[in-house]
Amino acid sequence: MKHASLPVLALLAGLSPAGGAFGEGVTVGAASTTSDAPIYIADRKGFFRAEGLDVRISNFRSASDMVAPLGAGQLDAGAGSAGAALYNAVARGIRIRIVADKASSPPGYGATKILVRKDLVDSGRYRTPKDLKGLRFAMNAPGVSNTSTLNTLLQSVGLDYSDVQTVDLPFPDHVVALKNKSVEASASVEPGPAIAVKNGDAVVIKSDDEILPNHQIAVLLYSEDFIQRRRDEAIRFMRAYIRAVRFYNGALKDGRLAGPNAEEVIAILSDATPIKARAIYDAITPTGMNPNGRVNKESLAYDLAFYTRQGLIKGAINLDDVLDSSFVDVVAKELGPYRP
C-alpha cells in the first residue's frame, strides 16, 4: 500500500476530480488517530489487497478538511466526526454519505472523558457535576460529539451548556491547558485524559459511555462517485474495513487494549499514528466499534438536534438523506455474525 503525508494544499492539488486520485486505486482520508485503526489494520494486514484494491491513505488534520475533497470525488472515503460541519456541507449540496461506524461508546469503552483539574477536586471546589457551573472547558470545536456529551452531563444536573465557558483547542493542547491552569476542565478524547491523569493534573469525573451509552462518535464516509459509479469497489472496501473492525475488536478486553490481538493492533497504531509510547496504549480507554459496522442513527439524531438548537446547522437536514447502510448490510450478511 502507498501512504501520503503531504500538506493538505499539496494533496488537493494532486487529486483528480474523477475519484481516481494519485492514479488508479482508492484514496481514503484519515486523521492519524487511534479510531482510524480499521483503516490502518486493513492496510497492514493485507485486507485491502485481498479485495484487489490499491488503497492510498492520505493523512489530514481533521475530518473537516476531508469534506471538500470528498464532495469533489477527490477522496473516495474518509473517516471522522459526524458533526455540524458535515451536515452543513450536505445542506449545501455536497453529496457525502455516512456508510459505517468508526467510533462509538459501548459500556466500558468511553474514550471521551470529562476531566476536572485535580487541584479543584483536592480543594473541594469541585465535588459533583453541579460544580461545573462557571468553569472554563477545553473543547476542540463547536458542533462535534464531545459537545453533546458535555451538554448531556450538564443537563442531567439542571445546568445549561451556556453555564460553562468553552475554549476551543486541539485535543493534544488540552493536556497542556490543564497543566498550566488556563482551563479548569475539559471534554477530551484519549490519549489526552490518560496522560493528564498520569501527570497528576486532572481527574476523570465521567466517561462518554456513562453519559451517552453507545454514542456515535465518528463515522466512515463515502463520496457520491464511490457510491454510484464504483459500487463494486465500495463494497470490497467495506468488506476489508469490517474485517479490520472485527480484528480490532479482538484487541479489546475489559475496557483496555488487552485482548488476543492487542499486541498486533498496538504495533500497527504505533507505526501509523503519533502515539508511540507503549505505556499510553496500556493506560487508555480504547474507543468501541460496531463489529458489523452499523451506525447508531438515534445517536446521530440526538446530536444533530443539539447542534440545531445551538444555531450551528445552516439548512434542513434529513438524516435518511445522509445515511447509506446498504454497504454494511451487504457485508454483514456475507461475513455472518461476529464471534469474538
Foldseek 3Di string as FASTA:
>chain_A
DAEDEDALVVLVVQFDLLLCGPHHFAEEEEALDLLCLLVLLLVVVVLCVVLVTDYYYYHDNAVLSCQVCLLSSRHFKYKHFPWQSNLQSVQVVRQKAFAFFRFWAAPLQQQWFKKFWPVCVVVVCDDDPVSQFAWEEEEADPTADLLLLVQLRQVVVPHGSVRYHYDHDPQVCRLVCLVVVVTGIYGHGPPSVLVNVVVNTIDTPDGSCVRPNGARHMTMMGHPSCVPVVVSSVLSVVLSSLVSLLLQVQLDDSQASNHPSSVVSLVSSLVRHVDPDPVSRRRGRHTHGDSLRDHDVVNSVSSVVVCVVVVSHDGDDDNVSRYDHVSSVVNCVVVDDRDD
